[in-house]
Full PDB file with SEQRES, HELIX, SHEET, SSBOND, CRYST1, ORIGX, SCALE, CONECT and MASTER records, all heavy atoms in Angstrom:
SEQRES   1 A   39  ALA LEU LEU HIS GLU GLY GLY ALA ASP VAL GLU VAL LEU          
SEQRES   2 A   39  VAL ARG ALA PRO ARG ILE HIS PHE LEU LYS GLY ALA GLY          
SEQRES   3 A   39  LEU ARG SER ARG LEU ARG ASP ARG LEU GLY PRO ALA ARG          
HELIX    1 AA1 LEU A    2  GLU A    5  1                                   4    
HELIX    2 AA2 GLY A   24  LEU A   35  1                                  12    
HELIX    3 AA3 GLY A   36  ALA A   38  5                                   3    
CRYST1    1.000    1.000    1.000  90.00  90.00  90.00 P 1           1          
ORIGX1      1.000000  0.000000  0.000000        0.00000                         
ORIGX2      0.000000  1.000000  0.000000        0.00000                         
ORIGX3      0.000000  0.000000  1.000000        0.00000                         
SCALE1      1.000000  0.000000  0.000000        0.00000                         
SCALE2      0.000000  1.000000  0.000000        0.00000                         
SCALE3      0.000000  0.000000  1.000000        0.00000                         
ATOM      1  N   ALA A   1      10.741   0.820  -7.537  1.00  0.00           N  
ATOM      2  CA  ALA A   1      11.032  -0.594  -7.308  1.00  0.00           C  
ATOM      3  C   ALA A   1      11.538  -1.263  -8.579  1.00  0.00           C  
ATOM      4  O   ALA A   1      12.535  -2.025  -8.563  1.00  0.00           O  
ATOM      5  CB  ALA A   1       9.779  -1.317  -6.805  1.00  0.00           C  
ATOM      6  N   LEU A   2      10.885  -0.975  -9.705  1.00  0.00           N  
ATOM      7  CA  LEU A   2      11.304  -1.571 -10.976  1.00  0.00           C  
ATOM      8  C   LEU A   2      12.674  -1.069 -11.389  1.00  0.00           C  
ATOM      9  O   LEU A   2      13.510  -1.836 -11.895  1.00  0.00           O  
ATOM     10  CB  LEU A   2      10.281  -1.240 -12.066  1.00  0.00           C  
ATOM     11  CG  LEU A   2       8.930  -1.959 -11.951  1.00  0.00           C  
ATOM     12  CD1 LEU A   2       7.907  -1.331 -12.893  1.00  0.00           C  
ATOM     13  CD2 LEU A   2       9.097  -3.450 -12.272  1.00  0.00           C  
ATOM     14  N   LEU A   3      12.945   0.212 -11.170  1.00  0.00           N  
ATOM     15  CA  LEU A   3      14.267   0.744 -11.501  1.00  0.00           C  
ATOM     16  C   LEU A   3      15.356   0.077 -10.653  1.00  0.00           C  
ATOM     17  O   LEU A   3      16.397  -0.331 -11.180  1.00  0.00           O  
ATOM     18  CB  LEU A   3      14.276   2.268 -11.251  1.00  0.00           C  
ATOM     19  CG  LEU A   3      13.580   3.123 -12.296  1.00  0.00           C  
ATOM     20  CD1 LEU A   3      13.268   4.513 -11.724  1.00  0.00           C  
ATOM     21  CD2 LEU A   3      14.437   3.255 -13.557  1.00  0.00           C  
ATOM     22  N   HIS A   4      15.101  -0.051  -9.361  1.00  0.00           N  
ATOM     23  CA  HIS A   4      16.061  -0.698  -8.468  1.00  0.00           C  
ATOM     24  C   HIS A   4      16.298  -2.146  -8.883  1.00  0.00           C  
ATOM     25  O   HIS A   4      17.448  -2.611  -8.962  1.00  0.00           O  
ATOM     26  CB  HIS A   4      15.550  -0.623  -7.040  1.00  0.00           C  
ATOM     27  CG  HIS A   4      16.353  -1.414  -6.069  1.00  0.00           C  
ATOM     28  ND1 HIS A   4      17.626  -1.048  -5.677  1.00  0.00           N  
ATOM     29  CD2 HIS A   4      16.076  -2.577  -5.404  1.00  0.00           C  
ATOM     30  CE1 HIS A   4      18.093  -1.943  -4.829  1.00  0.00           C  
ATOM     31  NE2 HIS A   4      17.184  -2.881  -4.641  1.00  0.00           N  
ATOM     32  N   GLU A   5      15.213  -2.850  -9.152  1.00  0.00           N  
ATOM     33  CA  GLU A   5      15.324  -4.247  -9.572  1.00  0.00           C  
ATOM     34  C   GLU A   5      16.001  -4.403 -10.911  1.00  0.00           C  
ATOM     35  O   GLU A   5      16.569  -5.463 -11.215  1.00  0.00           O  
ATOM     36  CB  GLU A   5      13.930  -4.880  -9.581  1.00  0.00           C  
ATOM     37  CG  GLU A   5      13.341  -5.035  -8.170  1.00  0.00           C  
ATOM     38  CD  GLU A   5      11.816  -5.155  -8.153  1.00  0.00           C  
ATOM     39  OE1 GLU A   5      11.208  -5.165  -9.243  1.00  0.00           O  
ATOM     40  OE2 GLU A   5      11.228  -5.236  -7.066  1.00  0.00           O  
ATOM     41  N   GLY A   6      15.968  -3.334 -11.723  1.00  0.00           N  
ATOM     42  CA  GLY A   6      16.612  -3.371 -13.037  1.00  0.00           C  
ATOM     43  C   GLY A   6      18.045  -2.880 -13.022  1.00  0.00           C  
ATOM     44  O   GLY A   6      18.666  -2.756 -14.085  1.00  0.00           O  
ATOM     45  N   GLY A   7      18.585  -2.552 -11.833  1.00  0.00           N  
ATOM     46  CA  GLY A   7      19.990  -2.204 -11.732  1.00  0.00           C  
ATOM     47  C   GLY A   7      20.310  -0.725 -11.679  1.00  0.00           C  
ATOM     48  O   GLY A   7      21.466  -0.321 -11.788  1.00  0.00           O  
ATOM     49  N   ALA A   8      19.286   0.121 -11.491  1.00  0.00           N  
ATOM     50  CA  ALA A   8      19.531   1.566 -11.362  1.00  0.00           C  
ATOM     51  C   ALA A   8      19.757   1.928  -9.903  1.00  0.00           C  
ATOM     52  O   ALA A   8      19.318   1.223  -8.982  1.00  0.00           O  
ATOM     53  CB  ALA A   8      18.353   2.348 -11.936  1.00  0.00           C  
ATOM     54  N   ASP A   9      20.448   3.065  -9.679  1.00  0.00           N  
ATOM     55  CA  ASP A   9      20.617   3.643  -8.345  1.00  0.00           C  
ATOM     56  C   ASP A   9      19.526   4.703  -8.192  1.00  0.00           C  
ATOM     57  O   ASP A   9      19.551   5.729  -8.864  1.00  0.00           O  
ATOM     58  CB  ASP A   9      22.014   4.276  -8.255  1.00  0.00           C  
ATOM     59  CG  ASP A   9      22.275   4.907  -6.897  1.00  0.00           C  
ATOM     60  OD1 ASP A   9      21.460   4.706  -5.981  1.00  0.00           O  
ATOM     61  OD2 ASP A   9      23.272   5.644  -6.774  1.00  0.00           O  
ATOM     62  N   VAL A  10      18.565   4.437  -7.316  1.00  0.00           N  
ATOM     63  CA  VAL A  10      17.330   5.238  -7.291  1.00  0.00           C  
ATOM     64  C   VAL A  10      17.176   5.990  -5.978  1.00  0.00           C  
ATOM     65  O   VAL A  10      17.484   5.467  -4.900  1.00  0.00           O  
ATOM     66  CB  VAL A  10      16.086   4.318  -7.459  1.00  0.00           C  
ATOM     67  CG1 VAL A  10      14.814   5.157  -7.625  1.00  0.00           C  
ATOM     68  CG2 VAL A  10      16.259   3.382  -8.633  1.00  0.00           C  
ATOM     69  N   GLU A  11      16.661   7.203  -6.102  1.00  0.00           N  
ATOM     70  CA  GLU A  11      16.195   7.955  -4.931  1.00  0.00           C  
ATOM     71  C   GLU A  11      14.811   8.508  -5.261  1.00  0.00           C  
ATOM     72  O   GLU A  11      14.613   9.111  -6.317  1.00  0.00           O  
ATOM     73  CB  GLU A  11      17.126   9.106  -4.556  1.00  0.00           C  
ATOM     74  CG  GLU A  11      16.646   9.860  -3.323  1.00  0.00           C  
ATOM     75  CD  GLU A  11      17.554  11.018  -2.928  1.00  0.00           C  
ATOM     76  OE1 GLU A  11      18.491  11.332  -3.705  1.00  0.00           O  
ATOM     77  OE2 GLU A  11      17.346  11.592  -1.837  1.00  0.00           O  
ATOM     78  N   VAL A  12      13.857   8.293  -4.342  1.00  0.00           N  
ATOM     79  CA  VAL A  12      12.526   8.853  -4.500  1.00  0.00           C  
ATOM     80  C   VAL A  12      12.429  10.121  -3.673  1.00  0.00           C  
ATOM     81  O   VAL A  12      12.755  10.124  -2.482  1.00  0.00           O  
ATOM     82  CB  VAL A  12      11.454   7.843  -4.030  1.00  0.00           C  
ATOM     83  CG1 VAL A  12      10.050   8.395  -4.322  1.00  0.00           C  
ATOM     84  CG2 VAL A  12      11.619   6.498  -4.698  1.00  0.00           C  
ATOM     85  N   LEU A  13      12.019  11.206  -4.319  1.00  0.00           N  
ATOM     86  CA  LEU A  13      11.876  12.492  -3.648  1.00  0.00           C  
ATOM     87  C   LEU A  13      10.388  12.771  -3.468  1.00  0.00           C  
ATOM     88  O   LEU A  13       9.645  12.898  -4.447  1.00  0.00           O  
ATOM     89  CB  LEU A  13      12.543  13.604  -4.475  1.00  0.00           C  
ATOM     90  CG  LEU A  13      14.040  13.421  -4.716  1.00  0.00           C  
ATOM     91  CD1 LEU A  13      14.550  14.489  -5.666  1.00  0.00           C  
ATOM     92  CD2 LEU A  13      14.817  13.455  -3.401  1.00  0.00           C  
ATOM     93  N   VAL A  14       9.960  12.847  -2.204  1.00  0.00           N  
ATOM     94  CA  VAL A  14       8.537  12.967  -1.882  1.00  0.00           C  
ATOM     95  C   VAL A  14       8.301  14.272  -1.150  1.00  0.00           C  
ATOM     96  O   VAL A  14       8.927  14.547  -0.117  1.00  0.00           O  
ATOM     97  CB  VAL A  14       8.092  11.770  -1.004  1.00  0.00           C  
ATOM     98  CG1 VAL A  14       6.579  11.824  -0.778  1.00  0.00           C  
ATOM     99  CG2 VAL A  14       8.488  10.447  -1.644  1.00  0.00           C  
ATOM    100  N   ARG A  15       7.366  15.071  -1.650  1.00  0.00           N  
ATOM    101  CA  ARG A  15       7.052  16.346  -1.008  1.00  0.00           C  
ATOM    102  C   ARG A  15       6.389  16.138   0.355  1.00  0.00           C  
ATOM    103  O   ARG A  15       6.643  16.901   1.298  1.00  0.00           O  
ATOM    104  CB  ARG A  15       6.111  17.142  -1.920  1.00  0.00           C  
ATOM    105  CG  ARG A  15       5.777  18.539  -1.411  1.00  0.00           C  
ATOM    106  CD  ARG A  15       4.708  19.174  -2.272  1.00  0.00           C  
ATOM    107  NE  ARG A  15       5.154  19.341  -3.641  1.00  0.00           N  
ATOM    108  CZ  ARG A  15       5.740  20.434  -4.120  1.00  0.00           C  
ATOM    109  NH1 ARG A  15       5.953  21.468  -3.301  1.00  0.00           N  
ATOM    110  NH2 ARG A  15       6.110  20.501  -5.370  1.00  0.00           N  
ATOM    111  N   ALA A  16       5.555  15.127   0.478  1.00  0.00           N  
ATOM    112  CA  ALA A  16       4.809  14.894   1.719  1.00  0.00           C  
ATOM    113  C   ALA A  16       5.765  14.379   2.813  1.00  0.00           C  
ATOM    114  O   ALA A  16       6.822  13.809   2.527  1.00  0.00           O  
ATOM    115  CB  ALA A  16       3.711  13.881   1.472  1.00  0.00           C  
ATOM    116  N   PRO A  17       5.352  14.526   4.089  1.00  0.00           N  
ATOM    117  CA  PRO A  17       6.223  14.077   5.189  1.00  0.00           C  
ATOM    118  C   PRO A  17       6.207  12.588   5.428  1.00  0.00           C  
ATOM    119  O   PRO A  17       6.998  12.074   6.217  1.00  0.00           O  
ATOM    120  CB  PRO A  17       5.649  14.823   6.402  1.00  0.00           C  
ATOM    121  CG  PRO A  17       4.218  15.072   6.050  1.00  0.00           C  
ATOM    122  CD  PRO A  17       4.187  15.289   4.573  1.00  0.00           C  
ATOM    123  N   ARG A  18       5.272  11.865   4.779  1.00  0.00           N  
ATOM    124  CA  ARG A  18       5.224  10.420   4.936  1.00  0.00           C  
ATOM    125  C   ARG A  18       4.624   9.794   3.684  1.00  0.00           C  
ATOM    126  O   ARG A  18       4.006  10.477   2.853  1.00  0.00           O  
ATOM    127  CB  ARG A  18       4.365  10.026   6.149  1.00  0.00           C  
ATOM    128  CG  ARG A  18       2.934  10.537   6.097  1.00  0.00           C  
ATOM    129  CD  ARG A  18       2.059   9.900   7.148  1.00  0.00           C  
ATOM    130  NE  ARG A  18       1.836   8.483   6.902  1.00  0.00           N  
ATOM    131  CZ  ARG A  18       0.881   7.794   7.488  1.00  0.00           C  
ATOM    132  NH1 ARG A  18       0.054   8.372   8.359  1.00  0.00           N  
ATOM    133  NH2 ARG A  18       0.717   6.515   7.214  1.00  0.00           N  
ATOM    134  N   ILE A  19       4.837   8.493   3.564  1.00  0.00           N  
ATOM    135  CA  ILE A  19       4.230   7.724   2.469  1.00  0.00           C  
ATOM    136  C   ILE A  19       3.042   6.944   3.035  1.00  0.00           C  
ATOM    137  O   ILE A  19       3.153   6.315   4.084  1.00  0.00           O  
ATOM    138  CB  ILE A  19       5.244   6.776   1.822  1.00  0.00           C  
ATOM    139  CG1 ILE A  19       6.285   7.573   1.036  1.00  0.00           C  
ATOM    140  CG2 ILE A  19       4.540   5.780   0.905  1.00  0.00           C  
ATOM    141  CD1 ILE A  19       7.384   6.723   0.440  1.00  0.00           C  
ATOM    142  N   HIS A  20       1.942   7.014   2.341  1.00  0.00           N  
ATOM    143  CA  HIS A  20       0.757   6.265   2.749  1.00  0.00           C  
ATOM    144  C   HIS A  20       0.710   4.952   2.003  1.00  0.00           C  
ATOM    145  O   HIS A  20       0.867   4.920   0.770  1.00  0.00           O  
ATOM    146  CB  HIS A  20      -0.508   7.067   2.452  1.00  0.00           C  
ATOM    147  CG  HIS A  20      -0.598   8.353   3.221  1.00  0.00           C  
ATOM    148  ND1 HIS A  20      -1.014   8.423   4.533  1.00  0.00           N  
ATOM    149  CD2 HIS A  20      -0.285   9.631   2.856  1.00  0.00           C  
ATOM    150  CE1 HIS A  20      -0.981   9.682   4.940  1.00  0.00           C  
ATOM    151  NE2 HIS A  20      -0.557  10.430   3.949  1.00  0.00           N  
ATOM    152  N   PHE A  21       0.521   3.864   2.726  1.00  0.00           N  
ATOM    153  CA  PHE A  21       0.346   2.558   2.105  1.00  0.00           C  
ATOM    154  C   PHE A  21      -1.072   2.081   2.370  1.00  0.00           C  
ATOM    155  O   PHE A  21      -1.602   2.201   3.484  1.00  0.00           O  
ATOM    156  CB  PHE A  21       1.343   1.546   2.661  1.00  0.00           C  
ATOM    157  CG  PHE A  21       2.742   1.727   2.121  1.00  0.00           C  
ATOM    158  CD1 PHE A  21       3.706   2.405   2.836  1.00  0.00           C  
ATOM    159  CD2 PHE A  21       3.079   1.222   0.870  1.00  0.00           C  
ATOM    160  CE1 PHE A  21       4.976   2.587   2.345  1.00  0.00           C  
ATOM    161  CE2 PHE A  21       4.353   1.366   0.354  1.00  0.00           C  
ATOM    162  CZ  PHE A  21       5.320   2.068   1.096  1.00  0.00           C  
ATOM    163  N   LEU A  22      -1.696   1.578   1.311  1.00  0.00           N  
ATOM    164  CA  LEU A  22      -3.083   1.136   1.413  1.00  0.00           C  
ATOM    165  C   LEU A  22      -3.167  -0.184   2.182  1.00  0.00           C  
ATOM    166  O   LEU A  22      -2.310  -1.062   2.009  1.00  0.00           O  
ATOM    167  CB  LEU A  22      -3.662   0.961   0.001  1.00  0.00           C  
ATOM    168  CG  LEU A  22      -3.644   2.220  -0.871  1.00  0.00           C  
ATOM    169  CD1 LEU A  22      -4.072   1.882  -2.288  1.00  0.00           C  
ATOM    170  CD2 LEU A  22      -4.548   3.300  -0.293  1.00  0.00           C  
ATOM    171  N   LYS A  23      -4.207  -0.331   2.961  1.00  0.00           N  
ATOM    172  CA  LYS A  23      -4.382  -1.548   3.727  1.00  0.00           C  
ATOM    173  C   LYS A  23      -4.943  -2.690   2.870  1.00  0.00           C  
ATOM    174  O   LYS A  23      -4.778  -3.860   3.148  1.00  0.00           O  
ATOM    175  CB  LYS A  23      -5.303  -1.307   4.926  1.00  0.00           C  
ATOM    176  CG  LYS A  23      -4.679  -0.328   5.913  1.00  0.00           C  
ATOM    177  CD  LYS A  23      -5.607  -0.087   7.078  1.00  0.00           C  
ATOM    178  CE  LYS A  23      -4.921   0.753   8.157  1.00  0.00           C  
ATOM    179  NZ  LYS A  23      -4.535   2.096   7.662  1.00  0.00           N  
ATOM    180  N   GLY A  24      -5.667  -2.327   1.807  1.00  0.00           N  
ATOM    181  CA  GLY A  24      -6.046  -3.261   0.768  1.00  0.00           C  
ATOM    182  C   GLY A  24      -6.812  -4.472   1.228  1.00  0.00           C  
ATOM    183  O   GLY A  24      -7.763  -4.405   2.006  1.00  0.00           O  
ATOM    184  N   ALA A  25      -6.375  -5.646   0.741  1.00  0.00           N  
ATOM    185  CA  ALA A  25      -7.106  -6.896   0.929  1.00  0.00           C  
ATOM    186  C   ALA A  25      -7.289  -7.240   2.400  1.00  0.00           C  
ATOM    187  O   ALA A  25      -8.324  -7.762   2.815  1.00  0.00           O  
ATOM    188  CB  ALA A  25      -6.390  -8.043   0.202  1.00  0.00           C  
ATOM    189  N   GLY A  26      -6.306  -6.918   3.228  1.00  0.00           N  
ATOM    190  CA  GLY A  26      -6.418  -7.234   4.637  1.00  0.00           C  
ATOM    191  C   GLY A  26      -7.574  -6.497   5.305  1.00  0.00           C  
ATOM    192  O   GLY A  26      -8.325  -7.066   6.080  1.00  0.00           O  
ATOM    193  N   LEU A  27      -7.718  -5.225   4.947  1.00  0.00           N  
ATOM    194  CA  LEU A  27      -8.824  -4.450   5.498  1.00  0.00           C  
ATOM    195  C   LEU A  27     -10.161  -4.983   5.016  1.00  0.00           C  
ATOM    196  O   LEU A  27     -11.108  -5.126   5.809  1.00  0.00           O  
ATOM    197  CB  LEU A  27      -8.669  -2.982   5.111  1.00  0.00           C  
ATOM    198  CG  LEU A  27      -9.813  -2.042   5.524  1.00  0.00           C  
ATOM    199  CD1 LEU A  27      -9.980  -2.061   7.035  1.00  0.00           C  
ATOM    200  CD2 LEU A  27      -9.561  -0.645   5.001  1.00  0.00           C  
ATOM    201  N   ARG A  28     -10.263  -5.290   3.728  1.00  0.00           N  
ATOM    202  CA  ARG A  28     -11.520  -5.819   3.213  1.00  0.00           C  
ATOM    203  C   ARG A  28     -11.897  -7.140   3.906  1.00  0.00           C  
ATOM    204  O   ARG A  28     -13.053  -7.369   4.220  1.00  0.00           O  
ATOM    205  CB  ARG A  28     -11.419  -6.028   1.696  1.00  0.00           C  
ATOM    206  CG  ARG A  28     -11.529  -4.753   0.898  1.00  0.00           C  
ATOM    207  CD  ARG A  28     -11.652  -5.046  -0.577  1.00  0.00           C  
ATOM    208  NE  ARG A  28     -10.505  -5.766  -1.093  1.00  0.00           N  
ATOM    209  CZ  ARG A  28      -9.369  -5.181  -1.459  1.00  0.00           C  
ATOM    210  NH1 ARG A  28      -9.232  -3.868  -1.349  1.00  0.00           N  
ATOM    211  NH2 ARG A  28      -8.362  -5.875  -1.911  1.00  0.00           N  
ATOM    212  N   SER A  29     -10.899  -7.970   4.146  1.00  0.00           N  
ATOM    213  CA  SER A  29     -11.171  -9.241   4.797  1.00  0.00           C  
ATOM    214  C   SER A  29     -11.658  -9.031   6.228  1.00  0.00           C  
ATOM    215  O   SER A  29     -12.620  -9.683   6.674  1.00  0.00           O  
ATOM    216  CB  SER A  29      -9.893 -10.090   4.794  1.00  0.00           C  
ATOM    217  OG  SER A  29     -10.110 -11.313   5.451  1.00  0.00           O  
ATOM    218  N   ARG A  30     -11.037  -8.119   6.957  1.00  0.00           N  
ATOM    219  CA  ARG A  30     -11.453  -7.863   8.333  1.00  0.00           C  
ATOM    220  C   ARG A  30     -12.867  -7.281   8.387  1.00  0.00           C  
ATOM    221  O   ARG A  30     -13.680  -7.663   9.233  1.00  0.00           O  
ATOM    222  CB  ARG A  30     -10.470  -6.918   9.026  1.00  0.00           C  
ATOM    223  CG  ARG A  30      -9.108  -7.543   9.298  1.00  0.00           C  
ATOM    224  CD  ARG A  30      -8.283  -6.706  10.237  1.00  0.00           C  
ATOM    225  NE  ARG A  30      -7.969  -5.398   9.667  1.00  0.00           N  
ATOM    226  CZ  ARG A  30      -6.920  -5.160   8.898  1.00  0.00           C  
ATOM    227  NH1 ARG A  30      -6.081  -6.153   8.554  1.00  0.00           N  
ATOM    228  NH2 ARG A  30      -6.670  -3.953   8.432  1.00  0.00           N  
ATOM    229  N   LEU A  31     -13.146  -6.355   7.469  1.00  0.00           N  
ATOM    230  CA  LEU A  31     -14.482  -5.766   7.445  1.00  0.00           C  
ATOM    231  C   LEU A  31     -15.529  -6.811   7.046  1.00  0.00           C  
ATOM    232  O   LEU A  31     -16.664  -6.796   7.564  1.00  0.00           O  
ATOM    233  CB  LEU A  31     -14.513  -4.602   6.458  1.00  0.00           C  
ATOM    234  CG  LEU A  31     -13.751  -3.347   6.900  1.00  0.00           C  
ATOM    235  CD1 LEU A  31     -13.740  -2.307   5.778  1.00  0.00           C  
ATOM    236  CD2 LEU A  31     -14.367  -2.748   8.161  1.00  0.00           C  
ATOM    237  N   ARG A  32     -15.156  -7.709   6.141  1.00  0.00           N  
ATOM    238  CA  ARG A  32     -16.084  -8.755   5.747  1.00  0.00           C  
ATOM    239  C   ARG A  32     -16.406  -9.659   6.941  1.00  0.00           C  
ATOM    240  O   ARG A  32     -17.553 -10.059   7.146  1.00  0.00           O  
ATOM    241  CB  ARG A  32     -15.495  -9.565   4.585  1.00  0.00           C  
ATOM    242  CG  ARG A  32     -16.464 -10.573   3.969  1.00  0.00           C  
ATOM    243  CD  ARG A  32     -15.824 -11.312   2.808  1.00  0.00           C  
ATOM    244  NE  ARG A  32     -15.545 -10.438   1.689  1.00  0.00           N  
ATOM    245  CZ  ARG A  32     -14.318 -10.087   1.289  1.00  0.00           C  
ATOM    246  NH1 ARG A  32     -13.266 -10.551   1.952  1.00  0.00           N  
ATOM    247  NH2 ARG A  32     -14.144  -9.296   0.269  1.00  0.00           N  
ATOM    248  N   ASP A  33     -15.381  -9.979   7.714  1.00  0.00           N  
ATOM    249  CA  ASP A  33     -15.583 -10.839   8.885  1.00  0.00           C  
ATOM    250  C   ASP A  33     -16.466 -10.144   9.931  1.00  0.00           C  
ATOM    251  O   ASP A  33     -17.303 -10.803  10.567  1.00  0.00           O  
ATOM    252  CB  ASP A  33     -14.229 -11.207   9.513  1.00  0.00           C  
ATOM    253  CG  ASP A  33     -13.415 -12.135   8.612  1.00  0.00           C  
ATOM    254  OD1 ASP A  33     -14.012 -12.743   7.709  1.00  0.00           O  
ATOM    255  OD2 ASP A  33     -12.198 -12.208   8.813  1.00  0.00           O  
ATOM    256  N   ARG A  34     -16.289  -8.848  10.109  1.00  0.00           N  
ATOM    257  CA  ARG A  34     -16.995  -8.139  11.167  1.00  0.00           C  
ATOM    258  C   ARG A  34     -18.398  -7.696  10.744  1.00  0.00           C  
ATOM    259  O   ARG A  34     -19.324  -7.683  11.552  1.00  0.00           O  
ATOM    260  CB  ARG A  34     -16.189  -6.911  11.609  1.00  0.00           C  
ATOM    261  CG  ARG A  34     -14.861  -7.261  12.267  1.00  0.00           C  
ATOM    262  CD  ARG A  34     -14.074  -6.010  12.561  1.00  0.00           C  
ATOM    263  NE  ARG A  34     -12.746  -6.334  13.099  1.00  0.00           N  
ATOM    264  CZ  ARG A  34     -11.811  -5.442  13.367  1.00  0.00           C  
ATOM    265  NH1 ARG A  34     -12.052  -4.152  13.165  1.00  0.00           N  
ATOM    266  NH2 ARG A  34     -10.630  -5.833  13.852  1.00  0.00           N  
ATOM    267  N   LEU A  35     -18.537  -7.302   9.484  1.00  0.00           N  
ATOM    268  CA  LEU A  35     -19.797  -6.707   9.026  1.00  0.00           C  
ATOM    269  C   LEU A  35     -20.638  -7.623   8.169  1.00  0.00           C  
ATOM    270  O   LEU A  35     -21.825  -7.369   7.967  1.00  0.00           O  
ATOM    271  CB  LEU A  35     -19.506  -5.414   8.259  1.00  0.00           C  
ATOM    272  CG  LEU A  35     -18.756  -4.329   9.021  1.00  0.00           C  
ATOM    273  CD1 LEU A  35     -18.487  -3.147   8.098  1.00  0.00           C  
ATOM    274  CD2 LEU A  35     -19.534  -3.883  10.237  1.00  0.00           C  
ATOM    275  N   GLY A  36     -20.034  -8.688   7.642  1.00  0.00           N  
ATOM    276  CA  GLY A  36     -20.784  -9.608   6.798  1.00  0.00           C  
ATOM    277  C   GLY A  36     -21.382  -8.912   5.597  1.00  0.00           C  
ATOM    278  O   GLY A  36     -20.710  -8.120   4.906  1.00  0.00           O  
ATOM    279  N   PRO A  37     -22.673  -9.147   5.303  1.00  0.00           N  
ATOM    280  CA  PRO A  37     -23.322  -8.553   4.127  1.00  0.00           C  
ATOM    281  C   PRO A  37     -23.368  -7.039   4.152  1.00  0.00           C  
ATOM    282  O   PRO A  37     -23.580  -6.411   3.124  1.00  0.00           O  
ATOM    283  CB  PRO A  37     -24.739  -9.139   4.166  1.00  0.00           C  
ATOM    284  CG  PRO A  37     -24.631 -10.370   4.995  1.00  0.00           C  
ATOM    285  CD  PRO A  37     -23.566 -10.082   6.019  1.00  0.00           C  
ATOM    286  N   ALA A  38     -23.181  -6.433   5.312  1.00  0.00           N  
ATOM    287  CA  ALA A  38     -23.225  -4.967   5.422  1.00  0.00           C  
ATOM    288  C   ALA A  38     -21.896  -4.310   5.011  1.00  0.00           C  
ATOM    289  O   ALA A  38     -21.829  -3.088   4.908  1.00  0.00           O  
ATOM    290  CB  ALA A  38     -23.598  -4.556   6.830  1.00  0.00           C  
ATOM    291  N   ARG A  39     -20.871  -5.113   4.777  1.00  0.00           N  
ATOM    292  CA  ARG A  39     -19.569  -4.547   4.462  1.00  0.00           C  
ATOM    293  C   ARG A  39     -19.579  -3.568   3.293  1.00  0.00           C  
ATOM    294  O   ARG A  39     -18.964  -2.482   3.377  1.00  0.00           O  
ATOM    295  CB  ARG A  39     -18.573  -5.677   4.195  1.00  0.00           C  
ATOM    296  CG  ARG A  39     -17.100  -5.250   4.136  1.00  0.00           C  
ATOM    297  CD  ARG A  39     -16.610  -4.921   2.755  1.00  0.00           C  
ATOM    298  NE  ARG A  39     -16.789  -6.037   1.855  1.00  0.00           N  
ATOM    299  CZ  ARG A  39     -16.552  -5.967   0.547  1.00  0.00           C  
ATOM    300  NH1 ARG A  39     -16.174  -4.843  -0.010  1.00  0.00           N  
ATOM    301  NH2 ARG A  39     -16.741  -7.021  -0.232  1.00  0.00           N  
TER     302      ARG A  39                                                      
MASTER        0    0    0    3    0    0    0    6  301    1    0    3          
END                                                                             
């Protein structure tokens, strides 16, 4: 992303068949709402 934003022509080569993206803050918020102190 930084290379692209800096004006480079970029290709990412990934061995895996997919890229995993973390659910992050959204998941923590949902778990907090559902589980409360048990989260």
